[in-house]
């Protein structure tokens, strides 16, 4: 078997955790010391995060999408494929090196989505962008850490906690959708979304497009057209 080659290593701001970019043949992996966060051979659920969300959106023109977590660019690429020419997609990525890795090593995997004129990148915490304005986003897609458990950054718990979800509710336009990727199910998180005013649907998807691989969870939480909470 071809051994893994370490390409680069980066620190997660504010946490001290290290993440490593590895390559083996044509396969890439991003890992913490103990956990694989993403792999270029298993991105079906990252694609589904965007595909399922945009397929449920009533508005198709002049949409504004916020993606929390660049990863290897697969969610962004799927969002671009499902969006029209007038879409505006903002990617929030906390780790500057992940953006650098996409531009230098990973971009070809998802079709160079960062080069699309509809895309802009902000190297900051997605929670800060969510809290910046009200009623601005048609969709917020979160693939931050490994889901609501906040694996690499304890502050991610604030993003997925009640205050973070209420901020996301306010940041969405009426009828907008908050979608969250997770490596595992979390019934408490489902209940929390409902208590924050969302109409919530949970979908289980496979890690690979072929329908194989691990099972991942996607929450699609819609903000009703009625008054905000």
Protein backbone atom coordinates (compact mmCIF):
# COMPACT_ATOMS: atom_id res chain seq x y z
CA UNK A 1 0.00 0.00 0.00
CA UNK A 2 1.19 3.50 -0.82
CA UNK A 3 2.18 5.32 2.39
CA UNK A 4 0.66 8.67 3.40
CA UNK A 5 2.82 11.72 2.70
CA UNK A 6 2.48 14.76 4.97
CA UNK A 7 1.99 17.87 2.82
CA UNK A 8 1.45 20.56 5.45
CA UNK A 9 0.26 21.23 8.99
CA UNK A 10 -1.78 24.10 10.42
CA UNK A 11 -3.09 25.37 13.74
CA UNK A 12 -6.77 25.99 14.42
CA UNK A 13 -6.98 29.62 15.65
CA UNK A 14 -7.95 30.02 19.28
CA UNK A 15 -7.76 26.30 20.00
CA UNK A 16 -4.17 25.09 19.69
CA UNK A 17 -5.34 21.97 17.85
CA UNK A 18 -3.30 20.98 14.81
CA UNK A 19 -4.69 19.71 11.53
CA UNK A 20 -2.59 17.95 8.91
CA UNK A 21 -2.96 17.68 5.14
CA UNK A 22 -1.89 14.25 3.83
CA UNK A 23 -1.64 12.73 0.37
CA UNK A 24 -1.52 9.10 -0.81
CA UNK A 25 -1.46 8.71 -4.58
CA UNK A 26 -4.44 10.76 -5.80
CA UNK A 27 -6.15 10.69 -2.40
CA UNK A 28 -6.05 13.56 0.10
CA UNK A 29 -6.95 13.61 3.78
CA UNK A 30 -7.23 16.31 6.44
CA UNK A 31 -6.86 15.04 9.99
CA UNK A 32 -6.41 15.99 13.58
CA UNK A 33 -4.04 13.86 15.63
CA UNK A 34 -6.76 11.29 16.29
CA UNK A 35 -9.55 11.85 13.75
CA UNK A 36 -9.91 12.11 9.98
CA UNK A 37 -12.00 15.21 9.31
CA UNK A 38 -12.35 14.75 5.56
CA UNK A 39 -11.15 12.57 2.70
CA UNK A 40 -11.25 13.25 -1.03
CA UNK A 41 -12.64 9.76 -1.69
CA UNK A 42 -15.66 10.24 0.57
CA UNK A 43 -17.45 13.50 -0.11
CA UNK A 44 -20.96 12.36 -0.98
CA UNK A 45 -22.46 13.80 2.19
CA UNK A 46 -20.66 17.13 1.68
CA UNK A 47 -22.19 17.31 -1.80
CA UNK A 48 -25.59 16.39 -0.37
CA UNK A 49 -25.42 19.23 2.15
CA UNK A 50 -25.71 21.72 -0.72
CA UNK A 51 -27.80 19.62 -3.11
CA UNK A 52 -30.55 18.81 -0.60
CA UNK A 53 -30.71 22.37 0.70
CA UNK A 54 -30.88 24.18 -2.63
CA UNK A 55 -33.44 21.71 -3.99
CA UNK A 56 -35.80 22.76 -1.16
CA UNK A 57 -35.40 26.51 -1.67
CA UNK A 58 -38.33 28.32 -3.25
CA UNK A 59 -36.28 31.30 -4.38
CA UNK A 60 -33.93 30.53 -7.27
CA UNK A 61 -32.72 33.97 -8.40
CA UNK A 62 -30.47 36.46 -6.60
CA UNK A 63 -29.87 34.06 -3.76
CA UNK A 64 -27.27 34.61 -1.05
CA UNK A 65 -25.64 31.57 0.52
CA UNK A 66 -23.23 31.39 3.45
CA UNK A 67 -21.07 28.29 3.74
CA UNK A 68 -19.33 27.71 7.05
CA UNK A 69 -16.26 25.54 6.45
CA UNK A 70 -14.43 25.24 3.12
CA UNK A 71 -13.07 21.74 3.62
CA UNK A 72 -11.91 20.42 0.26
CA UNK A 73 -14.39 22.57 -1.65
CA UNK A 74 -16.99 19.90 -2.40
CA UNK A 75 -19.94 21.61 -0.69
CA UNK A 76 -19.05 24.87 -2.41
CA UNK A 77 -18.82 23.16 -5.81
CA UNK A 78 -22.20 21.50 -5.32
CA UNK A 79 -23.76 24.83 -4.29
CA UNK A 80 -22.36 26.49 -7.41
CA UNK A 81 -23.73 23.73 -9.61
CA UNK A 82 -27.21 24.20 -8.11
CA UNK A 83 -27.12 28.03 -8.28
CA UNK A 84 -27.82 30.51 -11.04
CA UNK A 85 -25.41 33.06 -12.52
CA UNK A 86 -26.61 35.82 -10.19
CA UNK A 87 -25.99 33.89 -6.96
CA UNK A 88 -23.68 35.22 -4.27
CA UNK A 89 -21.87 32.61 -2.17
CA UNK A 90 -19.71 33.55 0.80
CA UNK A 91 -17.39 30.92 2.26
CA UNK A 92 -16.27 31.39 5.85
CA UNK A 93 -13.09 29.49 6.72
CA UNK A 94 -11.42 30.04 10.08
CA UNK A 95 -8.12 28.36 9.19
CA UNK A 96 -6.24 30.41 6.56
CA UNK A 97 -4.10 27.41 5.64
CA UNK A 98 -7.20 25.49 4.53
CA UNK A 99 -7.87 28.22 1.98
CA UNK A 100 -4.23 28.06 0.91
CA UNK A 101 -4.40 24.27 0.60
CA UNK A 102 -7.46 24.56 -1.66
CA UNK A 103 -5.73 27.05 -3.91
CA UNK A 104 -2.45 25.14 -4.05
CA UNK A 105 -3.18 21.42 -3.62
CA UNK A 106 -6.90 20.59 -3.53
CA UNK A 107 -8.73 22.86 -5.98
CA UNK A 108 -8.71 20.39 -8.86
CA UNK A 109 -10.63 17.83 -6.81
CA UNK A 110 -13.88 19.84 -6.89
CA UNK A 111 -13.30 21.71 -10.15
CA UNK A 112 -11.56 24.85 -8.81
CA UNK A 113 -14.67 26.35 -7.18
CA UNK A 114 -12.76 29.23 -5.54
CA UNK A 115 -12.11 30.67 -9.01
CA UNK A 116 -15.83 31.15 -9.67
CA UNK A 117 -16.78 34.86 -9.76
CA UNK A 118 -19.85 34.15 -7.62
CA UNK A 119 -17.65 33.16 -4.68
CA UNK A 120 -15.94 35.23 -2.01
CA UNK A 121 -13.97 33.97 0.99
CA UNK A 122 -13.79 35.42 4.47
CA UNK A 123 -11.11 33.98 6.74
CA UNK A 124 -13.01 34.33 9.99
CA UNK A 125 -15.37 32.51 12.32
CA UNK A 126 -18.70 31.88 10.60
CA UNK A 127 -20.51 32.75 13.84
CA UNK A 128 -19.28 36.35 13.51
CA UNK A 129 -20.61 36.58 9.95
CA UNK A 130 -23.96 35.12 10.99
CA UNK A 131 -24.35 37.75 13.71
CA UNK A 132 -23.37 40.63 11.42
CA UNK A 133 -26.72 41.17 9.67
CA UNK A 134 -30.35 40.11 9.94
CA UNK A 135 -32.55 38.67 7.18
CA UNK A 136 -29.74 38.50 4.62
CA UNK A 137 -29.17 34.80 3.75
CA UNK A 138 -31.36 32.42 1.78
CA UNK A 139 -29.31 29.52 3.10
CA UNK A 140 -26.62 28.93 5.70
CA UNK A 141 -24.71 25.67 5.26
CA UNK A 142 -22.57 24.61 8.21
CA UNK A 143 -19.88 21.95 7.86
CA UNK A 144 -17.84 23.18 10.80
CA UNK A 145 -15.82 20.72 12.85
CA UNK A 146 -17.53 17.31 12.91
CA UNK A 147 -20.96 18.67 13.72
CA UNK A 148 -22.74 19.96 16.82
CA UNK A 149 -20.37 18.15 19.19
CA UNK A 150 -17.59 20.67 18.44
CA UNK A 151 -14.70 18.25 18.01
CA UNK A 152 -11.73 20.54 17.39
CA UNK A 153 -12.98 23.87 18.79
CA UNK A 154 -15.00 24.09 21.98
CA UNK A 155 -16.33 27.45 20.79
CA UNK A 156 -18.18 25.58 18.02
CA UNK A 157 -20.56 24.54 20.77
CA UNK A 158 -21.62 28.19 20.89
CA UNK A 159 -22.36 28.07 17.16
CA UNK A 160 -24.64 25.07 17.62
CA UNK A 161 -26.05 26.11 21.00
CA UNK A 162 -29.26 28.05 21.58
CA UNK A 163 -27.68 31.50 21.17
CA UNK A 164 -25.95 30.47 17.94
CA UNK A 165 -29.10 28.96 16.47
CA UNK A 166 -31.17 32.01 17.35
CA UNK A 167 -28.56 34.18 15.62
CA UNK A 168 -28.79 31.96 12.53
CA UNK A 169 -32.60 32.21 12.64
CA UNK A 170 -32.39 36.00 12.61
CA UNK A 171 -29.74 36.03 9.86
CA UNK A 172 -31.92 34.03 7.48
CA UNK A 173 -34.53 35.57 5.23
CA UNK A 174 -38.10 34.30 5.75
CA UNK A 175 -38.25 30.83 4.23
CA UNK A 176 -34.45 30.52 4.46
CA UNK A 177 -32.78 27.26 5.43
CA UNK A 178 -30.07 26.46 7.96
CA UNK A 179 -28.41 23.15 7.05
CA UNK A 180 -25.93 21.39 9.31
CA UNK A 181 -23.62 18.47 8.50
CA UNK A 182 -22.68 16.04 11.24
CA UNK A 183 -20.72 12.83 11.54
CA UNK A 184 -23.39 11.47 13.89
CA UNK A 185 -27.02 11.81 14.92
CA UNK A 186 -27.94 14.11 17.79
CA UNK A 187 -31.56 14.12 18.95
CA UNK A 188 -30.89 16.87 21.49
CA UNK A 189 -29.70 19.12 18.67
CA UNK A 190 -32.86 18.35 16.68
CA UNK A 191 -34.96 19.40 19.65
CA UNK A 192 -32.89 22.56 20.11
CA UNK A 193 -33.50 23.57 16.48
CA UNK A 194 -37.24 23.15 16.97
CA UNK A 195 -37.23 25.19 20.17
CA UNK A 196 -35.45 28.00 18.31
CA UNK A 197 -38.33 28.26 15.85
CA UNK A 198 -37.13 26.11 12.93
CA UNK A 199 -39.20 23.58 11.00
CA UNK A 200 -36.67 20.78 10.99
CA UNK A 201 -36.06 17.74 8.82
CA UNK A 202 -33.23 15.25 9.40
CA UNK A 203 -31.70 13.22 6.56
CA UNK A 204 -29.18 10.38 6.75
CA UNK A 205 -26.74 10.21 3.84
CA UNK A 206 -23.79 8.02 2.93
CA UNK A 207 -20.23 9.29 2.87
CA UNK A 208 -19.70 8.16 -0.73
CA UNK A 209 -21.69 8.99 -3.86
CA UNK A 210 -21.91 5.26 -4.56
CA UNK A 211 -24.11 4.84 -1.49
CA UNK A 212 -21.34 3.18 0.48
CA UNK A 213 -19.28 4.40 3.40
CA UNK A 214 -20.30 5.73 6.79
CA UNK A 215 -23.66 7.30 7.55
CA UNK A 216 -23.72 11.04 8.15
CA UNK A 217 -26.53 13.31 9.30
CA UNK A 218 -27.81 16.51 7.69
CA UNK A 219 -30.31 18.78 9.41
CA UNK A 220 -32.37 21.09 7.19
CA UNK A 221 -34.00 23.68 9.41
CA UNK A 222 -36.33 26.12 7.68
CA UNK A 223 -37.24 29.55 9.01
CA UNK A 224 -41.00 29.98 8.54
CA UNK A 225 -42.38 32.87 6.53
CA UNK A 226 -44.13 34.11 9.67
CA UNK A 227 -42.72 36.52 12.27
CA UNK A 228 -39.28 35.79 13.71
CA UNK A 229 -39.00 34.45 17.26
